[in-house]
N, C-alpha and C. Protein backbone atom coordinates (compact mmCIF):
# COMPACT_ATOMS: atom_id res chain seq x y z
N MET A 1 0.72 -1.16 0.00
CA MET A 1 0.01 -0.17 0.04
C MET A 1 0.74 1.10 -0.02
N LEU A 2 0.41 2.15 -0.70
CA LEU A 2 1.21 3.45 -1.13
C LEU A 2 0.65 4.38 0.15
N ASP A 3 2.06 4.78 0.75
CA ASP A 3 1.38 5.76 2.27
C ASP A 3 1.94 7.36 1.44
N THR A 4 0.80 7.98 1.05
CA THR A 4 1.28 9.48 0.45
C THR A 4 0.09 10.29 0.89
N ASP A 5 0.14 11.53 1.00
CA ASP A 5 -0.85 12.53 1.20
C ASP A 5 -1.66 12.49 -0.20
N ALA A 6 -3.11 12.69 -0.22
CA ALA A 6 -3.60 12.50 -1.32
C ALA A 6 -3.39 14.21 -1.97
N ASP A 7 -2.88 14.99 -1.41
CA ASP A 7 -3.05 16.15 -1.72
C ASP A 7 -1.55 16.86 -2.11
N LYS A 8 -0.58 16.20 -1.60
CA LYS A 8 0.69 16.10 -2.14
C LYS A 8 1.26 15.93 -3.35
N LEU A 9 2.05 16.59 -4.02
CA LEU A 9 2.75 16.49 -5.43
C LEU A 9 3.71 15.80 -5.24
N PRO A 10 4.18 15.24 -6.47
CA PRO A 10 5.14 14.60 -6.51
C PRO A 10 6.39 15.40 -6.30
N GLU A 11 8.06 15.31 -5.83
CA GLU A 11 8.77 16.07 -5.77
C GLU A 11 9.39 16.85 -7.33
N GLU A 12 9.36 15.91 -8.18
CA GLU A 12 9.50 16.37 -9.60
C GLU A 12 8.86 17.48 -10.07
N PRO A 13 9.56 18.44 -10.94
CA PRO A 13 8.53 19.15 -11.71
C PRO A 13 7.25 18.72 -12.64
N ASP A 14 6.38 19.18 -13.08
CA ASP A 14 5.50 18.57 -13.98
C ASP A 14 5.14 17.30 -13.98
N ALA A 15 4.98 16.99 -12.65
CA ALA A 15 4.48 15.49 -12.34
C ALA A 15 3.40 15.54 -11.39
N TRP A 16 2.39 14.17 -11.67
CA TRP A 16 1.05 14.11 -10.72
C TRP A 16 1.00 12.73 -10.44
N TYR A 17 0.34 12.62 -9.51
CA TYR A 17 -0.04 11.69 -9.24
C TYR A 17 -1.41 10.94 -9.90
N ASP A 18 -1.69 9.85 -10.50
CA ASP A 18 -2.88 9.23 -11.38
C ASP A 18 -4.15 9.70 -10.81
N HIS A 19 -4.18 9.63 -9.25
CA HIS A 19 -5.37 10.04 -8.81
C HIS A 19 -5.66 11.56 -8.64
N GLN A 20 -4.77 12.28 -8.68
CA GLN A 20 -4.79 13.54 -8.86
C GLN A 20 -5.50 14.29 -10.11
N LEU A 21 -5.38 13.38 -11.08
CA LEU A 21 -5.67 13.86 -12.45
C LEU A 21 -7.21 13.40 -12.58
N VAL A 22 -7.53 12.05 -12.45
CA VAL A 22 -8.88 11.47 -12.23
C VAL A 22 -10.01 12.50 -11.88
N GLY A 23 -10.79 12.82 -12.53
CA GLY A 23 -12.02 13.83 -12.06
C GLY A 23 -11.75 15.00 -12.82
N LEU A 24 -10.47 15.53 -13.29
CA LEU A 24 -10.51 16.89 -13.90
C LEU A 24 -11.24 17.00 -15.11
N LYS A 25 -11.71 18.45 -15.00
CA LYS A 25 -12.39 18.52 -16.35
C LYS A 25 -11.25 19.01 -17.38
N VAL A 26 -11.69 18.48 -18.57
CA VAL A 26 -10.97 18.64 -19.46
C VAL A 26 -11.27 19.70 -20.84
N LEU A 27 -10.61 21.18 -20.91
CA LEU A 27 -11.06 22.26 -21.48
C LEU A 27 -10.25 22.43 -22.98
N ARG A 28 -10.83 22.70 -23.97
CA ARG A 28 -10.40 23.06 -25.12
C ARG A 28 -10.63 24.29 -25.73
N ASP A 29 -9.88 25.31 -26.03
CA ASP A 29 -10.63 26.49 -26.20
C ASP A 29 -11.54 27.21 -25.26
N GLY A 30 -11.26 26.81 -24.07
CA GLY A 30 -12.53 27.47 -22.99
C GLY A 30 -13.19 26.55 -22.78
N VAL A 31 -13.59 25.32 -23.54
CA VAL A 31 -14.94 24.75 -23.41
C VAL A 31 -14.56 23.60 -23.09
N GLU A 32 -15.59 22.91 -22.10
CA GLU A 32 -15.12 21.50 -21.71
C GLU A 32 -15.61 20.60 -22.61
N VAL A 33 -14.81 19.45 -22.75
CA VAL A 33 -14.75 18.59 -23.76
C VAL A 33 -14.55 17.16 -23.19
N GLY A 34 -14.92 17.28 -22.14
CA GLY A 34 -14.85 16.01 -21.29
C GLY A 34 -14.26 15.65 -19.59
N GLU A 35 -13.85 14.75 -19.43
CA GLU A 35 -13.21 14.37 -17.93
C GLU A 35 -12.27 13.23 -17.95
N VAL A 36 -11.30 13.43 -17.29
CA VAL A 36 -10.22 12.65 -17.35
C VAL A 36 -10.90 11.44 -16.40
N VAL A 37 -10.78 9.82 -16.97
CA VAL A 37 -11.49 8.90 -16.04
C VAL A 37 -10.42 7.95 -15.89
N ARG A 38 -8.98 8.06 -16.54
CA ARG A 38 -8.06 7.21 -15.62
C ARG A 38 -6.65 7.39 -16.56
N VAL A 39 -5.60 7.24 -16.21
CA VAL A 39 -4.05 7.22 -17.01
C VAL A 39 -3.72 6.06 -17.33
N GLU A 40 -3.26 6.07 -18.56
CA GLU A 40 -3.00 4.68 -18.70
C GLU A 40 -1.08 4.65 -19.11
N HIS A 41 -0.38 4.03 -18.88
CA HIS A 41 1.23 4.23 -18.73
C HIS A 41 1.65 3.27 -19.67
N MET A 42 2.18 3.98 -20.88
CA MET A 42 2.42 3.36 -21.94
C MET A 42 3.94 3.41 -22.06
N PRO A 43 4.78 2.39 -22.76
CA PRO A 43 5.89 2.47 -22.88
C PRO A 43 6.42 3.88 -23.67
N ALA A 44 5.99 4.73 -24.37
CA ALA A 44 6.47 5.72 -25.18
C ALA A 44 6.17 6.77 -24.42
N GLN A 45 4.94 6.71 -23.67
CA GLN A 45 4.53 8.39 -22.72
C GLN A 45 3.09 7.62 -22.30
N ASP A 46 2.90 8.33 -21.22
CA ASP A 46 1.30 8.30 -20.42
C ASP A 46 0.27 8.72 -21.41
N LEU A 47 -0.78 8.28 -21.30
CA LEU A 47 -1.94 8.55 -22.20
C LEU A 47 -3.33 8.99 -20.95
N LEU A 48 -4.12 10.16 -21.39
CA LEU A 48 -5.04 10.78 -20.63
C LEU A 48 -6.24 10.13 -21.20
N ILE A 49 -6.97 9.27 -20.59
CA ILE A 49 -8.42 8.37 -20.95
C ILE A 49 -9.23 9.64 -20.51
N ILE A 50 -9.86 10.15 -21.25
CA ILE A 50 -10.98 11.19 -21.37
C ILE A 50 -12.55 10.61 -22.01
N GLN A 51 -13.43 10.97 -20.95
CA GLN A 51 -14.59 10.67 -21.32
C GLN A 51 -15.37 11.79 -21.73
N ASN A 52 -15.56 11.33 -23.31
CA ASN A 52 -15.96 12.56 -24.09
C ASN A 52 -17.55 12.25 -24.55
N GLY A 53 -18.63 12.34 -23.90
CA GLY A 53 -19.81 11.79 -24.32
C GLY A 53 -20.11 10.46 -23.78
N GLU A 54 -20.10 9.59 -25.08
CA GLU A 54 -20.35 8.25 -24.87
C GLU A 54 -18.99 7.47 -25.25
N ARG A 55 -18.22 8.21 -25.56
CA ARG A 55 -16.56 7.75 -26.13
C ARG A 55 -15.49 8.11 -25.09
N GLU A 56 -14.76 7.12 -25.29
CA GLU A 56 -13.13 7.47 -24.67
C GLU A 56 -12.43 7.98 -25.63
N VAL A 57 -11.83 8.99 -25.16
CA VAL A 57 -10.68 9.48 -26.49
C VAL A 57 -9.15 9.41 -25.49
N MET A 58 -8.45 8.78 -26.29
CA MET A 58 -7.19 8.76 -25.46
C MET A 58 -5.90 9.84 -25.87
N LEU A 59 -5.46 10.66 -24.87
CA LEU A 59 -4.45 11.80 -25.48
C LEU A 59 -3.57 11.55 -24.83
N PRO A 60 -2.25 11.77 -25.57
CA PRO A 60 -0.81 11.58 -25.07
C PRO A 60 -0.57 12.72 -24.11
N PHE A 61 0.03 12.51 -23.03
CA PHE A 61 -0.05 13.46 -22.07
C PHE A 61 1.54 13.79 -22.13
N VAL A 62 1.46 14.84 -23.19
CA VAL A 62 2.62 15.66 -23.52
C VAL A 62 2.38 17.04 -23.21
N LYS A 63 3.22 18.02 -23.10
CA LYS A 63 3.61 19.13 -22.87
C LYS A 63 2.72 19.86 -24.38
N ALA A 64 3.06 19.50 -25.58
CA ALA A 64 2.38 19.64 -26.86
C ALA A 64 0.83 19.77 -26.99
N MET A 65 0.12 18.71 -26.16
CA MET A 65 -1.37 18.46 -26.32
C MET A 65 -1.76 18.93 -24.67
N VAL A 66 -1.06 19.21 -24.11
CA VAL A 66 -1.60 19.28 -22.58
C VAL A 66 -0.66 20.35 -21.87
N PRO A 67 -0.88 21.78 -22.52
CA PRO A 67 -0.04 23.03 -21.92
C PRO A 67 0.01 23.22 -20.64
N SER A 68 -1.49 23.18 -19.90
CA SER A 68 -1.81 23.49 -18.80
C SER A 68 -2.78 22.72 -17.93
N LEU A 69 -1.92 22.56 -16.81
CA LEU A 69 -2.81 21.71 -15.63
C LEU A 69 -2.96 22.51 -14.38
N ASP A 70 -4.24 22.68 -13.86
CA ASP A 70 -4.52 23.34 -12.60
C ASP A 70 -5.22 22.42 -11.64
N ILE A 71 -4.37 21.64 -10.56
CA ILE A 71 -5.52 20.73 -9.84
C ILE A 71 -6.09 21.65 -8.92
N ALA A 72 -5.70 22.61 -8.43
CA ALA A 72 -6.77 23.75 -7.57
C ALA A 72 -8.02 23.79 -8.21
N ALA A 73 -7.85 24.14 -9.56
CA ALA A 73 -9.35 24.72 -10.20
C ALA A 73 -9.85 23.47 -10.72
N GLY A 74 -9.13 22.24 -10.69
CA GLY A 74 -9.70 21.18 -11.62
C GLY A 74 -10.18 20.90 -12.79
N THR A 75 -9.02 21.54 -13.51
CA THR A 75 -9.12 21.35 -15.09
C THR A 75 -7.81 21.48 -15.53
N ILE A 76 -7.91 20.85 -16.96
CA ILE A 76 -6.60 20.46 -18.01
C ILE A 76 -7.27 20.87 -19.03
N THR A 77 -5.99 21.61 -19.66
CA THR A 77 -6.27 22.83 -20.81
C THR A 77 -5.51 21.78 -21.90
N VAL A 78 -6.17 21.39 -22.86
CA VAL A 78 -5.56 20.67 -24.02
C VAL A 78 -5.71 20.80 -25.30
N THR A 79 -4.71 20.95 -25.95
CA THR A 79 -4.84 21.49 -27.67
C THR A 79 -4.37 20.37 -28.68
N PRO A 80 -5.51 19.26 -28.62
CA PRO A 80 -5.80 18.15 -29.39
C PRO A 80 -5.43 18.45 -30.71
N PRO A 81 -4.98 17.50 -31.91
CA PRO A 81 -5.38 17.83 -33.24
C PRO A 81 -6.84 17.91 -33.63
N ILE A 82 -7.06 18.28 -34.72
CA ILE A 82 -8.59 18.62 -35.11
C ILE A 82 -9.24 17.08 -35.15
N GLY A 83 -10.42 16.72 -34.84
CA GLY A 83 -11.08 15.68 -35.26
C GLY A 83 -11.15 14.76 -33.86
N LEU A 84 -10.28 14.89 -32.82
CA LEU A 84 -10.12 13.94 -31.70
C LEU A 84 -11.28 14.22 -30.90
N PHE A 85 -11.95 15.24 -30.73
CA PHE A 85 -12.83 15.61 -29.78
C PHE A 85 -14.27 15.88 -30.50
N GLU A 86 -14.31 16.03 -31.69
CA GLU A 86 -15.25 16.46 -32.37
C GLU A 86 -15.23 15.72 -33.90
N GLU A 87 -16.43 16.01 -34.88
CA GLU A 87 -16.57 15.39 -35.95
C GLU A 87 -15.70 16.32 -36.85
N VAL A 88 -15.04 15.81 -37.74
CA VAL A 88 -14.62 16.88 -38.50
C VAL A 88 -15.36 16.86 -39.66
N LEU A 89 -15.16 18.23 -40.11
CA LEU A 89 -16.29 19.12 -41.18
C LEU A 89 -15.46 18.31 -42.41
N PRO A 90 -16.53 18.07 -43.33
CA PRO A 90 -15.84 17.46 -44.57
C PRO A 90 -14.84 18.47 -45.28
N GLU A 91 -15.20 19.74 -45.26
CA GLU A 91 -14.01 20.40 -45.89
C GLU A 91 -12.81 20.43 -45.17
N LEU A 92 -12.80 19.78 -43.88
CA LEU A 92 -11.28 19.86 -43.57
C LEU A 92 -10.95 18.19 -43.43
N ALA A 93 -11.42 17.32 -43.85
CA ALA A 93 -11.22 16.09 -44.26
C ALA A 93 -10.02 15.89 -45.15
N THR A 94 -9.29 14.94 -45.45
CA THR A 94 -8.47 14.59 -46.23
C THR A 94 -9.09 14.03 -47.36
N PRO A 95 -9.04 14.59 -48.68
CA PRO A 95 -9.86 13.92 -49.78
C PRO A 95 -9.62 12.43 -50.16
N GLU A 96 -10.15 11.81 -50.51
CA GLU A 96 -9.78 10.28 -51.17
C GLU A 96 -8.84 10.32 -52.22
N PRO A 97 -7.92 9.92 -52.24
CA PRO A 97 -6.93 10.01 -53.62
C PRO A 97 -7.53 9.46 -54.95
N ALA A 98 -7.30 10.39 -55.89
CA ALA A 98 -7.61 9.94 -57.28
C ALA A 98 -7.53 8.66 -57.96
N PRO A 99 -8.40 7.93 -58.53
CA PRO A 99 -7.79 6.56 -58.80
C PRO A 99 -6.84 7.10 -60.04
N PRO A 100 -6.04 5.83 -60.38
CA PRO A 100 -4.70 5.99 -61.56
C PRO A 100 -5.62 6.57 -62.71
N ALA A 101 -4.83 7.22 -63.39
CA ALA A 101 -5.65 7.35 -64.91
C ALA A 101 -6.18 6.13 -65.57
N ASP A 102 -5.47 5.15 -65.76
CA ASP A 102 -5.74 3.80 -66.32
C ASP A 102 -6.93 3.26 -65.70
N GLU A 103 -6.90 3.47 -64.49
CA GLU A 103 -8.52 2.65 -63.94
C GLU A 103 -9.68 3.85 -64.30
N ALA A 104 -9.39 4.94 -63.93
CA ALA A 104 -10.46 6.00 -64.62
C ALA A 104 -11.11 6.04 -65.40
N SER A 105 -10.24 5.74 -66.57
CA SER A 105 -10.71 5.39 -68.08
C SER A 105 -11.48 4.37 -68.11
N GLU A 106 -11.26 3.10 -67.62
CA GLU A 106 -12.06 1.69 -67.68
C GLU A 106 -13.40 1.80 -67.42
N GLU A 107 -13.84 2.75 -66.39
CA GLU A 107 -15.13 3.19 -65.96
C GLU A 107 -16.17 3.22 -67.07
């Protein structure tokens, strides 16, 4: 059993215990997009598992995507790529590649 104060932060900078992250509200551009439900520890990096409506979103817990974390306010600010928390608008989606010229002429 781990004997730590639930409010005490780890000694290294920019480090948190999992139990301090679970339950935090996730904000993107000031709008709540979900809540941290768990942290997965992977070989390359940790992942925040965020409940977003009926689905869970996995977000790498790296400074580029999680620039701000405020335990006292109960929030995490994220800057994920387009489409992670919302449907991608058709005009922003990558178009399907055109078939090769010889295939197009056969139709």
